[in-house]
N, C-alpha and C. Protein backbone atom coordinates (compact mmCIF):
# COMPACT_ATOMS: atom_id res chain seq x y z
N MET A 1 20.35 2.41 -0.54
CA MET A 1 19.39 1.33 -0.56
C MET A 1 17.95 1.84 -0.67
N LEU A 2 17.67 3.01 -0.08
CA LEU A 2 16.32 3.55 -0.18
C LEU A 2 15.92 3.72 -1.64
N ASP A 3 16.87 4.22 -2.43
CA ASP A 3 16.61 4.44 -3.84
C ASP A 3 16.24 3.12 -4.53
N LYS A 4 16.96 2.06 -4.21
CA LYS A 4 16.69 0.75 -4.82
C LYS A 4 15.27 0.27 -4.47
N HIS A 5 14.90 0.38 -3.21
CA HIS A 5 13.58 -0.09 -2.78
C HIS A 5 12.46 0.76 -3.39
N LEU A 6 12.68 2.06 -3.45
CA LEU A 6 11.69 2.94 -4.08
C LEU A 6 11.55 2.63 -5.57
N THR A 7 12.68 2.40 -6.23
CA THR A 7 12.66 2.10 -7.65
C THR A 7 11.89 0.80 -7.92
N THR A 8 12.10 -0.21 -7.09
CA THR A 8 11.36 -1.47 -7.24
C THR A 8 9.87 -1.23 -7.10
N ALA A 9 9.47 -0.45 -6.09
CA ALA A 9 8.05 -0.15 -5.89
C ALA A 9 7.51 0.64 -7.08
N GLU A 10 8.26 1.63 -7.53
CA GLU A 10 7.82 2.45 -8.67
C GLU A 10 7.65 1.60 -9.92
N GLU A 11 8.58 0.67 -10.16
CA GLU A 11 8.49 -0.19 -11.34
C GLU A 11 7.25 -1.08 -11.28
N GLU A 12 6.95 -1.62 -10.11
CA GLU A 12 5.74 -2.44 -9.99
C GLU A 12 4.49 -1.61 -10.25
N LEU A 13 4.47 -0.40 -9.74
CA LEU A 13 3.30 0.46 -9.90
C LEU A 13 3.12 0.98 -11.33
N LEU A 14 4.18 0.94 -12.11
CA LEU A 14 4.08 1.36 -13.51
C LEU A 14 3.36 0.32 -14.36
N LYS A 15 3.29 -0.91 -13.89
CA LYS A 15 2.65 -1.98 -14.64
C LYS A 15 1.14 -1.78 -14.66
N GLU A 16 0.60 -1.71 -15.85
CA GLU A 16 -0.86 -1.59 -16.00
C GLU A 16 -1.55 -2.89 -15.58
N THR A 17 -0.92 -4.00 -15.95
CA THR A 17 -1.41 -5.32 -15.55
C THR A 17 -0.21 -6.14 -15.09
N GLY A 18 -0.48 -7.15 -14.29
CA GLY A 18 0.59 -8.03 -13.86
C GLY A 18 1.43 -7.53 -12.71
N MET A 19 0.95 -6.49 -12.01
CA MET A 19 1.68 -6.01 -10.85
C MET A 19 1.73 -7.13 -9.82
N ASN A 20 2.88 -7.31 -9.21
CA ASN A 20 3.05 -8.35 -8.21
C ASN A 20 2.97 -7.72 -6.82
N PRO A 21 1.86 -7.89 -6.11
CA PRO A 21 1.71 -7.27 -4.79
C PRO A 21 2.78 -7.72 -3.80
N ALA A 22 3.23 -8.98 -3.92
CA ALA A 22 4.26 -9.47 -2.99
C ALA A 22 5.58 -8.73 -3.19
N VAL A 23 5.94 -8.46 -4.44
CA VAL A 23 7.17 -7.71 -4.72
C VAL A 23 7.03 -6.28 -4.21
N LEU A 24 5.87 -5.69 -4.46
CA LEU A 24 5.61 -4.33 -3.99
C LEU A 24 5.71 -4.26 -2.47
N LEU A 25 5.05 -5.17 -1.78
CA LEU A 25 5.06 -5.16 -0.33
C LEU A 25 6.47 -5.40 0.21
N LYS A 26 7.18 -6.33 -0.38
CA LYS A 26 8.55 -6.62 0.07
C LYS A 26 9.44 -5.39 -0.07
N SER A 27 9.29 -4.65 -1.15
CA SER A 27 10.10 -3.44 -1.34
C SER A 27 9.73 -2.38 -0.31
N ILE A 28 8.45 -2.27 0.03
CA ILE A 28 8.01 -1.30 1.04
C ILE A 28 8.50 -1.71 2.42
N GLN A 29 8.47 -3.00 2.71
CA GLN A 29 8.98 -3.48 4.00
C GLN A 29 10.48 -3.19 4.12
N ALA A 30 11.23 -3.45 3.07
CA ALA A 30 12.67 -3.17 3.08
C ALA A 30 12.91 -1.67 3.19
N LEU A 31 12.11 -0.88 2.50
CA LEU A 31 12.21 0.57 2.58
C LEU A 31 12.00 1.04 4.02
N GLY A 32 10.99 0.49 4.68
CA GLY A 32 10.70 0.87 6.06
C GLY A 32 11.85 0.56 7.00
N GLN A 33 12.49 -0.58 6.81
CA GLN A 33 13.62 -0.94 7.66
C GLN A 33 14.79 0.00 7.45
N GLU A 34 15.06 0.35 6.20
CA GLU A 34 16.17 1.26 5.90
C GLU A 34 15.86 2.69 6.34
N TRP A 35 14.61 3.11 6.11
CA TRP A 35 14.19 4.48 6.43
C TRP A 35 14.43 4.77 7.91
N ALA A 36 14.16 3.79 8.75
CA ALA A 36 14.29 3.96 10.20
C ALA A 36 15.74 4.22 10.62
N LEU A 37 16.69 3.86 9.79
CA LEU A 37 18.11 4.01 10.13
C LEU A 37 18.70 5.34 9.69
N ILE A 38 17.94 6.13 8.96
CA ILE A 38 18.46 7.37 8.39
C ILE A 38 17.79 8.56 9.05
N ASP A 39 18.61 9.51 9.49
CA ASP A 39 18.07 10.70 10.16
C ASP A 39 17.32 11.61 9.20
N ASP A 40 17.91 11.90 8.06
CA ASP A 40 17.29 12.81 7.10
C ASP A 40 17.37 12.19 5.71
N VAL A 41 16.25 11.73 5.20
CA VAL A 41 16.26 11.05 3.91
C VAL A 41 16.27 12.02 2.73
N GLY A 42 15.95 13.27 2.98
CA GLY A 42 15.98 14.26 1.91
C GLY A 42 14.65 14.41 1.20
N THR A 43 14.50 15.54 0.57
CA THR A 43 13.25 15.92 -0.08
C THR A 43 12.92 15.02 -1.27
N GLU A 44 13.91 14.69 -2.09
CA GLU A 44 13.65 13.88 -3.28
C GLU A 44 13.07 12.52 -2.90
N LEU A 45 13.67 11.85 -1.93
CA LEU A 45 13.17 10.53 -1.53
C LEU A 45 11.80 10.64 -0.86
N ARG A 46 11.59 11.68 -0.07
CA ARG A 46 10.27 11.88 0.54
C ARG A 46 9.20 12.10 -0.53
N ASP A 47 9.55 12.88 -1.55
CA ASP A 47 8.60 13.13 -2.64
C ASP A 47 8.30 11.86 -3.42
N ARG A 48 9.33 11.06 -3.66
CA ARG A 48 9.13 9.79 -4.36
C ARG A 48 8.26 8.85 -3.53
N TRP A 49 8.52 8.81 -2.21
CA TRP A 49 7.70 7.96 -1.35
C TRP A 49 6.25 8.44 -1.38
N SER A 50 6.04 9.73 -1.32
CA SER A 50 4.69 10.28 -1.34
C SER A 50 3.96 9.86 -2.61
N SER A 51 4.66 9.89 -3.73
CA SER A 51 4.07 9.48 -5.00
C SER A 51 3.74 7.99 -4.99
N VAL A 52 4.65 7.17 -4.49
CA VAL A 52 4.41 5.73 -4.40
C VAL A 52 3.20 5.46 -3.50
N HIS A 53 3.16 6.12 -2.36
CA HIS A 53 2.07 5.92 -1.41
C HIS A 53 0.73 6.27 -2.04
N GLU A 54 0.67 7.38 -2.74
CA GLU A 54 -0.58 7.80 -3.38
C GLU A 54 -1.00 6.83 -4.48
N LYS A 55 -0.04 6.31 -5.22
CA LYS A 55 -0.36 5.35 -6.27
C LYS A 55 -0.87 4.04 -5.68
N VAL A 56 -0.23 3.58 -4.61
CA VAL A 56 -0.70 2.35 -3.95
C VAL A 56 -2.12 2.57 -3.45
N LYS A 57 -2.33 3.69 -2.79
CA LYS A 57 -3.65 4.00 -2.25
C LYS A 57 -4.71 4.04 -3.35
N ALA A 58 -4.41 4.68 -4.47
CA ALA A 58 -5.36 4.78 -5.57
C ALA A 58 -5.67 3.41 -6.17
N ARG A 59 -4.65 2.60 -6.37
CA ARG A 59 -4.87 1.27 -6.96
C ARG A 59 -5.63 0.37 -6.01
N MET A 60 -5.32 0.46 -4.75
CA MET A 60 -6.02 -0.38 -3.77
C MET A 60 -7.47 0.05 -3.64
N ARG A 61 -7.73 1.36 -3.64
CA ARG A 61 -9.11 1.84 -3.58
C ARG A 61 -9.89 1.34 -4.80
N GLU A 62 -9.29 1.42 -5.97
CA GLU A 62 -9.94 0.97 -7.20
C GLU A 62 -10.25 -0.53 -7.11
N SER A 63 -9.28 -1.30 -6.63
CA SER A 63 -9.49 -2.75 -6.49
C SER A 63 -10.58 -3.06 -5.47
N MET A 64 -10.60 -2.31 -4.37
CA MET A 64 -11.62 -2.55 -3.35
C MET A 64 -12.99 -2.17 -3.88
N GLU A 65 -13.09 -1.07 -4.59
CA GLU A 65 -14.38 -0.68 -5.17
C GLU A 65 -14.88 -1.76 -6.12
N ASP A 66 -13.98 -2.34 -6.90
CA ASP A 66 -14.35 -3.42 -7.80
C ASP A 66 -14.80 -4.65 -7.01
N ALA A 67 -14.07 -5.01 -5.97
CA ALA A 67 -14.40 -6.17 -5.15
C ALA A 67 -15.75 -6.00 -4.46
N VAL A 68 -16.01 -4.80 -3.97
CA VAL A 68 -17.30 -4.52 -3.32
C VAL A 68 -18.41 -4.57 -4.36
N GLY A 69 -18.18 -3.97 -5.51
CA GLY A 69 -19.19 -3.94 -6.56
C GLY A 69 -19.56 -5.32 -7.08
N THR A 70 -18.60 -6.22 -7.09
CA THR A 70 -18.86 -7.59 -7.57
C THR A 70 -19.13 -8.55 -6.41
N GLN A 71 -19.19 -8.01 -5.21
CA GLN A 71 -19.45 -8.79 -3.99
C GLN A 71 -18.45 -9.93 -3.84
N ASN A 72 -17.18 -9.63 -4.13
CA ASN A 72 -16.11 -10.62 -4.03
C ASN A 72 -15.45 -10.50 -2.65
N GLY A 73 -16.01 -11.24 -1.70
CA GLY A 73 -15.53 -11.18 -0.32
C GLY A 73 -14.10 -11.63 -0.15
N LYS A 74 -13.69 -12.64 -0.92
CA LYS A 74 -12.30 -13.13 -0.81
C LYS A 74 -11.32 -12.05 -1.25
N LYS A 75 -11.65 -11.37 -2.31
CA LYS A 75 -10.77 -10.31 -2.79
C LYS A 75 -10.73 -9.16 -1.78
N GLN A 76 -11.87 -8.84 -1.19
CA GLN A 76 -11.91 -7.79 -0.18
C GLN A 76 -10.99 -8.14 0.98
N GLN A 77 -11.06 -9.39 1.45
CA GLN A 77 -10.23 -9.83 2.57
C GLN A 77 -8.75 -9.78 2.20
N ALA A 78 -8.42 -10.20 0.98
CA ALA A 78 -7.03 -10.16 0.53
C ALA A 78 -6.51 -8.72 0.47
N LEU A 79 -7.35 -7.82 -0.01
CA LEU A 79 -6.96 -6.40 -0.08
C LEU A 79 -6.76 -5.82 1.32
N LEU A 80 -7.64 -6.18 2.25
CA LEU A 80 -7.49 -5.70 3.63
C LEU A 80 -6.23 -6.27 4.28
N LYS A 81 -5.89 -7.51 3.97
CA LYS A 81 -4.67 -8.12 4.50
C LYS A 81 -3.45 -7.37 3.97
N PHE A 82 -3.43 -7.10 2.66
CA PHE A 82 -2.33 -6.34 2.07
C PHE A 82 -2.23 -4.98 2.74
N ALA A 83 -3.37 -4.32 2.93
CA ALA A 83 -3.38 -2.98 3.53
C ALA A 83 -2.82 -3.01 4.94
N THR A 84 -3.17 -4.03 5.72
CA THR A 84 -2.65 -4.17 7.08
C THR A 84 -1.12 -4.31 7.04
N ASP A 85 -0.64 -5.18 6.16
CA ASP A 85 0.81 -5.39 6.04
C ASP A 85 1.51 -4.13 5.52
N PHE A 86 0.88 -3.45 4.58
CA PHE A 86 1.43 -2.21 4.04
C PHE A 86 1.54 -1.15 5.13
N ASP A 87 0.47 -0.99 5.91
CA ASP A 87 0.48 0.00 6.99
C ASP A 87 1.59 -0.32 8.00
N ALA A 88 1.75 -1.58 8.33
CA ALA A 88 2.79 -1.98 9.29
C ALA A 88 4.18 -1.68 8.72
N ALA A 89 4.36 -1.91 7.43
CA ALA A 89 5.67 -1.70 6.81
C ALA A 89 6.08 -0.23 6.77
N CYS A 90 5.11 0.65 6.62
CA CYS A 90 5.46 2.07 6.48
C CYS A 90 5.00 2.92 7.66
N SER A 91 4.68 2.28 8.76
CA SER A 91 4.17 3.03 9.92
C SER A 91 5.18 4.02 10.48
N GLY A 92 6.46 3.76 10.31
CA GLY A 92 7.48 4.65 10.85
C GLY A 92 7.68 5.93 10.07
N PHE A 93 7.16 5.99 8.85
CA PHE A 93 7.40 7.19 8.05
C PHE A 93 6.19 7.64 7.25
N SER A 94 5.03 7.05 7.53
CA SER A 94 3.82 7.45 6.84
C SER A 94 2.65 7.34 7.80
N GLY A 95 1.89 8.40 7.93
CA GLY A 95 0.83 8.41 8.93
C GLY A 95 -0.52 7.90 8.48
N ALA A 96 -0.76 7.85 7.19
CA ALA A 96 -2.09 7.46 6.70
C ALA A 96 -2.30 5.95 6.80
N SER A 97 -3.53 5.55 7.10
CA SER A 97 -3.87 4.13 7.21
C SER A 97 -4.62 3.67 5.97
N LEU A 98 -3.97 2.85 5.18
CA LEU A 98 -4.60 2.28 4.00
C LEU A 98 -5.72 1.33 4.41
N GLU A 99 -5.50 0.58 5.47
CA GLU A 99 -6.52 -0.36 5.93
C GLU A 99 -7.81 0.36 6.28
N GLN A 100 -7.74 1.44 7.04
CA GLN A 100 -8.94 2.19 7.40
C GLN A 100 -9.61 2.78 6.17
N ASP A 101 -8.81 3.24 5.24
CA ASP A 101 -9.36 3.79 4.00
C ASP A 101 -10.16 2.73 3.25
N LEU A 102 -9.60 1.51 3.14
CA LEU A 102 -10.30 0.45 2.42
C LEU A 102 -11.52 -0.03 3.19
N LYS A 103 -11.42 -0.10 4.50
CA LYS A 103 -12.57 -0.52 5.31
C LYS A 103 -13.75 0.43 5.12
N SER A 104 -13.44 1.69 4.88
CA SER A 104 -14.52 2.66 4.69
C SER A 104 -15.29 2.40 3.39
N LEU A 105 -14.68 1.67 2.47
CA LEU A 105 -15.34 1.36 1.20
C LEU A 105 -16.15 0.08 1.25
N ALA A 106 -15.78 -0.80 2.18
CA ALA A 106 -16.42 -2.12 2.25
C ALA A 106 -17.65 -2.05 3.14
N PRO A 107 -18.68 -2.78 2.78
CA PRO A 107 -19.87 -2.83 3.64
C PRO A 107 -19.55 -3.56 4.93
N ALA A 108 -20.23 -3.19 5.99
CA ALA A 108 -20.06 -3.89 7.28
C ALA A 108 -20.55 -5.33 7.13
N PRO A 109 -19.83 -6.28 7.73
CA PRO A 109 -20.28 -7.67 7.66
C PRO A 109 -21.66 -7.81 8.28
N ALA A 110 -22.41 -8.78 7.82
CA ALA A 110 -23.77 -9.02 8.35
C ALA A 110 -23.70 -9.26 9.85
N GLY A 111 -24.65 -8.69 10.57
CA GLY A 111 -24.71 -8.86 12.00
C GLY A 111 -23.92 -7.85 12.80
N THR A 112 -23.27 -6.88 12.11
CA THR A 112 -22.55 -5.83 12.83
C THR A 112 -23.26 -4.52 12.64
N VAL A 113 -22.96 -3.59 13.54
CA VAL A 113 -23.61 -2.28 13.49
C VAL A 113 -22.68 -1.27 12.90
């Protein structure tokens, strides 16, 4: 099943346009549930996950930079929501925080230090 969930995520990430974030997130959530049940997932699956994670991170950073540059607050909030859900889905097997990474790109809201 891990292979199926990784393949779904990889296929979504291959799309230059029209990527469906809900499908991507659902596959990562399912991957996280399955991953927790397996003692040793093996090098190939870990390498594939690493590649998926890096691609998600790169695309999300690019989208956040665009949202910040165009001052699109709604898009920024949507990206942060996705990042929060993504982090929760892969917290058991991935240590990096996408949400914190994206927050570092966004300006602090008015009235905060």
